[in-house]
PDB file of all heavy atoms in Angstrom:
ATOM      1  N   GLY A   1      37.268 137.914  84.337  1.00  0.00           N
ATOM      2  CA  GLY A   1      36.482 139.034  83.829  1.00  0.00           C
ATOM      3  C   GLY A   1      36.996 139.561  82.492  1.00  0.00           C
ATOM      4  O   GLY A   1      37.722 138.870  81.765  1.00  0.00           O
ATOM      5  N   GLY A   2      36.646 140.794  82.158  1.00  0.00           N
ATOM      6  CA  GLY A   2      37.107 141.423  80.922  1.00  0.00           C
ATOM      7  C   GLY A   2      36.597 140.737  79.670  1.00  0.00           C
ATOM      8  O   GLY A   2      35.483 140.199  79.635  1.00  0.00           O
ATOM      9  N   THR A   3      37.426 140.719  78.630  1.00  0.00           N
ATOM     10  CA  THR A   3      37.008 140.124  77.361  1.00  0.00           C
ATOM     11  C   THR A   3      36.844 138.604  77.470  1.00  0.00           C
ATOM     12  O   THR A   3      36.100 138.008  76.701  1.00  0.00           O
ATOM     13  CB  THR A   3      38.011 140.447  76.241  1.00  0.00           C
ATOM     14  OG1 THR A   3      39.323 139.990  76.621  1.00  0.00           O
ATOM     15  CG2 THR A   3      38.058 141.941  75.968  1.00  0.00           C
ATOM     16  N   ALA A   4      37.544 137.997  78.418  1.00  0.00           N
ATOM     17  CA  ALA A   4      37.370 136.557  78.618  1.00  0.00           C
ATOM     18  C   ALA A   4      35.933 136.244  78.984  1.00  0.00           C
ATOM     19  O   ALA A   4      35.376 135.221  78.563  1.00  0.00           O
ATOM     20  CB  ALA A   4      38.314 136.053  79.719  1.00  0.00           C
ATOM     21  N   LEU A   5      35.302 137.141  79.736  1.00  0.00           N
ATOM     22  CA  LEU A   5      33.910 136.941  80.136  1.00  0.00           C
ATOM     23  C   LEU A   5      32.951 137.321  79.010  1.00  0.00           C
ATOM     24  O   LEU A   5      31.976 136.611  78.766  1.00  0.00           O
ATOM     25  CB  LEU A   5      33.613 137.772  81.385  1.00  0.00           C
ATOM     26  CG  LEU A   5      32.283 137.481  82.091  1.00  0.00           C
ATOM     27  CD1 LEU A   5      32.184 136.010  82.501  1.00  0.00           C
ATOM     28  CD2 LEU A   5      32.137 138.370  83.319  1.00  0.00           C
ATOM     29  N   SER A   6      33.239 138.410  78.314  1.00  0.00           N
ATOM     30  CA  SER A   6      32.342 138.829  77.228  1.00  0.00           C
ATOM     31  C   SER A   6      32.386 137.870  76.046  1.00  0.00           C
ATOM     32  O   SER A   6      31.412 137.738  75.303  1.00  0.00           O
ATOM     33  CB  SER A   6      32.692 140.253  76.767  1.00  0.00           C
ATOM     34  OG  SER A   6      34.014 140.319  76.259  1.00  0.00           O
ATOM     35  N   ASN A   7      33.519 137.195  75.857  1.00  0.00           N
ATOM     36  CA  ASN A   7      33.632 136.219  74.765  1.00  0.00           C
ATOM     37  C   ASN A   7      33.347 134.787  75.206  1.00  0.00           C
ATOM     38  O   ASN A   7      33.524 133.852  74.430  1.00  0.00           O
ATOM     39  CB  ASN A   7      35.049 136.261  74.165  1.00  0.00           C
ATOM     40  CG  ASN A   7      35.302 137.503  73.339  1.00  0.00           C
ATOM     41  OD1 ASN A   7      34.389 138.040  72.702  1.00  0.00           O
ATOM     42  ND2 ASN A   7      36.529 137.992  73.350  1.00  0.00           N
ATOM     43  N   LEU A   8      32.898 134.637  76.442  1.00  0.00           N
ATOM     44  CA  LEU A   8      32.698 133.300  77.004  1.00  0.00           C
ATOM     45  C   LEU A   8      31.742 132.447  76.189  1.00  0.00           C
ATOM     46  O   LEU A   8      31.923 131.227  76.080  1.00  0.00           O
ATOM     47  CB  LEU A   8      32.192 133.421  78.447  1.00  0.00           C
ATOM     48  CG  LEU A   8      31.863 132.109  79.178  1.00  0.00           C
ATOM     49  CD1 LEU A   8      33.089 131.201  79.247  1.00  0.00           C
ATOM     50  CD2 LEU A   8      31.330 132.405  80.570  1.00  0.00           C
ATOM     51  N   TRP A   9      30.738 133.072  75.570  1.00  0.00           N
ATOM     52  CA  TRP A   9      29.741 132.305  74.812  1.00  0.00           C
ATOM     53  C   TRP A   9      30.393 131.460  73.716  1.00  0.00           C
ATOM     54  O   TRP A   9      29.911 130.360  73.401  1.00  0.00           O
ATOM     55  CB  TRP A   9      28.707 133.248  74.196  1.00  0.00           C
ATOM     56  CG  TRP A   9      29.237 134.134  73.103  1.00  0.00           C
ATOM     57  CD1 TRP A   9      29.809 135.364  73.229  1.00  0.00           C
ATOM     58  CD2 TRP A   9      29.250 133.833  71.701  1.00  0.00           C
ATOM     59  NE1 TRP A   9      30.191 135.847  72.005  1.00  0.00           N
ATOM     60  CE2 TRP A   9      29.840 134.943  71.046  1.00  0.00           C
ATOM     61  CE3 TRP A   9      28.815 132.757  70.937  1.00  0.00           C
ATOM     62  CZ2 TRP A   9      30.018 134.986  69.670  1.00  0.00           C
ATOM     63  CZ3 TRP A   9      28.978 132.785  69.566  1.00  0.00           C
ATOM     64  CH2 TRP A   9      29.575 133.894  68.940  1.00  0.00           C
ATOM     65  N   ILE A  10      31.493 131.957  73.161  1.00  0.00           N
ATOM     66  CA  ILE A  10      32.199 131.209  72.112  1.00  0.00           C
ATOM     67  C   ILE A  10      32.678 129.861  72.643  1.00  0.00           C
ATOM     68  O   ILE A  10      32.612 128.843  71.955  1.00  0.00           O
ATOM     69  CB  ILE A  10      33.412 132.012  71.593  1.00  0.00           C
ATOM     70  CG1 ILE A  10      32.943 133.311  70.922  1.00  0.00           C
ATOM     71  CG2 ILE A  10      34.273 131.182  70.636  1.00  0.00           C
ATOM     72  CD1 ILE A  10      34.083 134.251  70.571  1.00  0.00           C
ATOM     73  N   PHE A  11      33.115 129.865  73.901  1.00  0.00           N
ATOM     74  CA  PHE A  11      33.714 128.674  74.489  1.00  0.00           C
ATOM     75  C   PHE A  11      32.675 127.777  75.186  1.00  0.00           C
ATOM     76  O   PHE A  11      33.032 126.764  75.788  1.00  0.00           O
ATOM     77  CB  PHE A  11      34.821 129.093  75.458  1.00  0.00           C
ATOM     78  CG  PHE A  11      35.819 129.995  74.793  1.00  0.00           C
ATOM     79  CD1 PHE A  11      35.824 131.359  75.036  1.00  0.00           C
ATOM     80  CD2 PHE A  11      36.714 129.486  73.866  1.00  0.00           C
ATOM     81  CE1 PHE A  11      36.716 132.200  74.391  1.00  0.00           C
ATOM     82  CE2 PHE A  11      37.614 130.313  73.216  1.00  0.00           C
ATOM     83  CZ  PHE A  11      37.617 131.673  73.471  1.00  0.00           C
ATOM     84  N   ILE A  12      31.420 128.184  75.056  1.00  0.00           N
ATOM     85  CA  ILE A  12      30.315 127.322  75.471  1.00  0.00           C
ATOM     86  C   ILE A  12      29.634 126.757  74.237  1.00  0.00           C
ATOM     87  O   ILE A  12      29.471 125.543  74.097  1.00  0.00           O
ATOM     88  CB  ILE A  12      29.303 128.105  76.339  1.00  0.00           C
ATOM     89  CG1 ILE A  12      29.969 128.588  77.627  1.00  0.00           C
ATOM     90  CG2 ILE A  12      28.087 127.225  76.654  1.00  0.00           C
ATOM     91  CD1 ILE A  12      29.082 129.481  78.491  1.00  0.00           C
ATOM     92  N   VAL A  13      29.276 127.641  73.323  1.00  0.00           N
ATOM     93  CA  VAL A  13      28.579 127.212  72.100  1.00  0.00           C
ATOM     94  C   VAL A  13      29.479 126.331  71.237  1.00  0.00           C
ATOM     95  O   VAL A  13      29.055 125.262  70.770  1.00  0.00           O
ATOM     96  CB  VAL A  13      28.110 128.444  71.290  1.00  0.00           C
ATOM     97  CG1 VAL A  13      27.526 128.001  69.944  1.00  0.00           C
ATOM     98  CG2 VAL A  13      27.077 129.228  72.079  1.00  0.00           C
ATOM     99  N   GLY A  14      30.725 126.772  71.010  1.00  0.00           N
ATOM    100  CA  GLY A  14      31.634 126.019  70.145  1.00  0.00           C
ATOM    101  C   GLY A  14      31.837 124.579  70.584  1.00  0.00           C
ATOM    102  O   GLY A  14      31.609 123.647  69.802  1.00  0.00           O
ATOM    103  N   PRO A  15      32.249 124.345  71.835  1.00  0.00           N
ATOM    104  CA  PRO A  15      32.440 122.968  72.291  1.00  0.00           C
ATOM    105  C   PRO A  15      31.167 122.120  72.274  1.00  0.00           C
ATOM    106  O   PRO A  15      31.216 120.934  71.948  1.00  0.00           O
ATOM    107  CB  PRO A  15      32.966 123.146  73.718  1.00  0.00           C
ATOM    108  CG  PRO A  15      33.688 124.451  73.670  1.00  0.00           C
ATOM    109  CD  PRO A  15      32.833 125.312  72.792  1.00  0.00           C
ATOM    110  N   PHE A  16      30.026 122.720  72.605  1.00  0.00           N
ATOM    111  CA  PHE A  16      28.783 121.941  72.589  1.00  0.00           C
ATOM    112  C   PHE A  16      28.400 121.540  71.167  1.00  0.00           C
ATOM    113  O   PHE A  16      27.976 120.414  70.920  1.00  0.00           O
ATOM    114  CB  PHE A  16      27.647 122.715  73.251  1.00  0.00           C
ATOM    115  CG  PHE A  16      27.579 122.550  74.742  1.00  0.00           C
ATOM    116  CD1 PHE A  16      27.401 123.647  75.564  1.00  0.00           C
ATOM    117  CD2 PHE A  16      27.695 121.295  75.329  1.00  0.00           C
ATOM    118  CE1 PHE A  16      27.336 123.497  76.941  1.00  0.00           C
ATOM    119  CE2 PHE A  16      27.639 121.138  76.708  1.00  0.00           C
ATOM    120  CZ  PHE A  16      27.458 122.240  77.521  1.00  0.00           C
ATOM    121  N   VAL A  17      28.570 122.462  70.234  1.00  0.00           N
ATOM    122  CA  VAL A  17      28.290 122.124  68.823  1.00  0.00           C
ATOM    123  C   VAL A  17      29.270 121.057  68.345  1.00  0.00           C
ATOM    124  O   VAL A  17      28.883 120.089  67.678  1.00  0.00           O
ATOM    125  CB  VAL A  17      28.378 123.382  67.930  1.00  0.00           C
ATOM    126  CG1 VAL A  17      28.279 123.000  66.447  1.00  0.00           C
ATOM    127  CG2 VAL A  17      27.266 124.359  68.282  1.00  0.00           C
ATOM    128  N   GLY A  18      30.547 121.222  68.684  1.00  0.00           N
ATOM    129  CA  GLY A  18      31.551 120.233  68.298  1.00  0.00           C
ATOM    130  C   GLY A  18      31.270 118.873  68.897  1.00  0.00           C
ATOM    131  O   GLY A  18      31.428 117.845  68.228  1.00  0.00           O
ATOM    132  N   GLY A  19      30.843 118.842  70.163  1.00  0.00           N
ATOM    133  CA  GLY A  19      30.513 117.573  70.805  1.00  0.00           C
ATOM    134  C   GLY A  19      29.335 116.886  70.144  1.00  0.00           C
ATOM    135  O   GLY A  19      29.332 115.658  69.971  1.00  0.00           O
ATOM    136  N   ALA A  20      28.323 117.689  69.765  1.00  0.00           N
ATOM    137  CA  ALA A  20      27.153 117.121  69.087  1.00  0.00           C
ATOM    138  C   ALA A  20      27.536 116.577  67.712  1.00  0.00           C
ATOM    139  O   ALA A  20      27.073 115.494  67.303  1.00  0.00           O
ATOM    140  CB  ALA A  20      26.075 118.189  68.951  1.00  0.00           C
ATOM    141  N   LEU A  21      28.384 117.305  66.977  1.00  0.00           N
ATOM    142  CA  LEU A  21      28.843 116.825  65.673  1.00  0.00           C
ATOM    143  C   LEU A  21      29.631 115.527  65.811  1.00  0.00           C
ATOM    144  O   LEU A  21      29.484 114.601  65.010  1.00  0.00           O
ATOM    145  CB  LEU A  21      29.715 117.886  65.001  1.00  0.00           C
ATOM    146  CG  LEU A  21      28.997 119.114  64.433  1.00  0.00           C
ATOM    147  CD1 LEU A  21      30.016 120.133  63.941  1.00  0.00           C
ATOM    148  CD2 LEU A  21      28.052 118.714  63.310  1.00  0.00           C
ATOM    149  N   ALA A  22      30.478 115.447  66.842  1.00  0.00           N
ATOM    150  CA  ALA A  22      31.262 114.231  67.074  1.00  0.00           C
ATOM    151  C   ALA A  22      30.361 113.035  67.318  1.00  0.00           C
ATOM    152  O   ALA A  22      30.627 111.932  66.831  1.00  0.00           O
ATOM    153  CB  ALA A  22      32.206 114.441  68.264  1.00  0.00           C
ATOM    154  N   ALA A  23      29.276 113.249  68.069  1.00  0.00           N
ATOM    155  CA  ALA A  23      28.335 112.164  68.337  1.00  0.00           C
ATOM    156  C   ALA A  23      27.687 111.679  67.046  1.00  0.00           C
ATOM    157  O   ALA A  23      27.503 110.473  66.838  1.00  0.00           O
ATOM    158  CB  ALA A  23      27.267 112.627  69.323  1.00  0.00           C
ATOM    159  N   GLY A  24      27.355 112.633  66.161  1.00  0.00           N
ATOM    160  CA  GLY A  24      26.754 112.260  64.879  1.00  0.00           C
ATOM    161  C   GLY A  24      27.715 111.471  64.008  1.00  0.00           C
ATOM    162  O   GLY A  24      27.341 110.468  63.391  1.00  0.00           O
ATOM    163  N   ILE A  25      28.977 111.905  63.970  1.00  0.00           N
ATOM    164  CA  ILE A  25      29.985 111.186  63.188  1.00  0.00           C
ATOM    165  C   ILE A  25      30.251 109.818  63.790  1.00  0.00           C
ATOM    166  O   ILE A  25      30.370 108.812  63.078  1.00  0.00           O
ATOM    167  CB  ILE A  25      31.293 112.007  63.124  1.00  0.00           C
ATOM    168  CG1 ILE A  25      31.055 113.327  62.385  1.00  0.00           C
ATOM    169  CG2 ILE A  25      32.407 111.205  62.441  1.00  0.00           C
ATOM    170  CD1 ILE A  25      32.215 114.293  62.477  1.00  0.00           C
ATOM    171  N   TYR A  26      30.313 109.774  65.109  1.00  0.00           N
ATOM    172  CA  TYR A  26      30.579 108.513  65.808  1.00  0.00           C
ATOM    173  C   TYR A  26      29.507 107.467  65.484  1.00  0.00           C
ATOM    174  O   TYR A  26      29.820 106.288  65.301  1.00  0.00           O
ATOM    175  CB  TYR A  26      30.638 108.764  67.305  1.00  0.00           C
ATOM    176  CG  TYR A  26      30.609 107.519  68.151  1.00  0.00           C
ATOM    177  CD1 TYR A  26      31.731 106.711  68.291  1.00  0.00           C
ATOM    178  CD2 TYR A  26      29.436 107.145  68.818  1.00  0.00           C
ATOM    179  CE1 TYR A  26      31.693 105.563  69.066  1.00  0.00           C
ATOM    180  CE2 TYR A  26      29.396 106.003  69.592  1.00  0.00           C
ATOM    181  CZ  TYR A  26      30.524 105.218  69.715  1.00  0.00           C
ATOM    182  OH  TYR A  26      30.475 104.089  70.472  1.00  0.00           O
ATOM    183  N   LYS A  27      28.258 107.898  65.398  1.00  0.00           N
ATOM    184  CA  LYS A  27      27.165 106.960  65.126  1.00  0.00           C
ATOM    185  C   LYS A  27      27.317 106.300  63.761  1.00  0.00           C
ATOM    186  O   LYS A  27      26.876 105.163  63.554  1.00  0.00           O
ATOM    187  CB  LYS A  27      25.816 107.668  65.221  1.00  0.00           C
ATOM    188  CG  LYS A  27      25.368 107.936  66.654  1.00  0.00           C
ATOM    189  CD  LYS A  27      23.969 108.524  66.696  1.00  0.00           C
ATOM    190  CE  LYS A  27      23.498 108.700  68.130  1.00  0.00           C
ATOM    191  NZ  LYS A  27      22.119 109.235  68.191  1.00  0.00           N
ATOM    192  N   ILE A  28      27.938 107.004  62.821  1.00  0.00           N
ATOM    193  CA  ILE A  28      28.150 106.432  61.487  1.00  0.00           C
ATOM    194  C   ILE A  28      29.082 105.230  61.562  1.00  0.00           C
ATOM    195  O   ILE A  28      28.898 104.226  60.874  1.00  0.00           O
ATOM    196  CB  ILE A  28      28.746 107.497  60.536  1.00  0.00           C
ATOM    197  CG1 ILE A  28      27.764 108.645  60.341  1.00  0.00           C
ATOM    198  CG2 ILE A  28      29.107 106.862  59.189  1.00  0.00           C
ATOM    199  CD1 ILE A  28      28.332 109.805  59.542  1.00  0.00           C
ATOM    200  N   PHE A  29      30.081 105.318  62.446  1.00  0.00           N
ATOM    201  CA  PHE A  29      31.081 104.257  62.567  1.00  0.00           C
ATOM    202  C   PHE A  29      30.790 103.290  63.707  1.00  0.00           C
ATOM    203  O   PHE A  29      31.507 102.296  63.864  1.00  0.00           O
ATOM    204  CB  PHE A  29      32.470 104.866  62.791  1.00  0.00           C
ATOM    205  CG  PHE A  29      32.940 105.721  61.659  1.00  0.00           C
ATOM    206  CD1 PHE A  29      32.826 107.107  61.713  1.00  0.00           C
ATOM    207  CD2 PHE A  29      33.501 105.153  60.523  1.00  0.00           C
ATOM    208  CE1 PHE A  29      33.241 107.899  60.660  1.00  0.00           C
ATOM    209  CE2 PHE A  29      33.926 105.929  59.467  1.00  0.00           C
ATOM    210  CZ  PHE A  29      33.814 107.308  59.533  1.00  0.00           C
ATOM    211  N   ASP A  30      29.771 103.573  64.488  1.00  0.00           N
ATOM    212  CA  ASP A  30      29.461 102.745  65.649  1.00  0.00           C
ATOM    213  C   ASP A  30      28.678 101.509  65.201  1.00  0.00           C
ATOM    214  O   ASP A  30      27.511 101.325  65.540  1.00  0.00           O
ATOM    215  CB  ASP A  30      28.658 103.535  66.670  1.00  0.00           C
ATOM    216  CG  ASP A  30      28.399 102.710  67.936  1.00  0.00           C
ATOM    217  OD1 ASP A  30      29.175 101.781  68.195  1.00  0.00           O
ATOM    218  OD2 ASP A  30      27.404 103.013  68.635  1.00  0.00           O
ATOM    219  N   CYS A  31      29.334 100.664  64.426  1.00  0.00           N
ATOM    220  CA  CYS A  31      28.695  99.450  63.937  1.00  0.00           C
ATOM    221  C   CYS A  31      28.630  98.411  65.044  1.00  0.00           C
ATOM    222  O   CYS A  31      29.473  98.375  65.917  1.00  0.00           O
ATOM    223  CB  CYS A  31      29.425  98.882  62.736  1.00  0.00           C
ATOM    224  SG  CYS A  31      31.189  98.652  63.014  1.00  0.00           S
TER     225      CYS A  31
END
């Protein structure tokens, strides 16, 4: 609970955006 819960969106949005970016970068090298 507390601020860990109120700031939870950061730790959902951030990793998902990072994962999507990684997939895009990976496709460039996925020859």
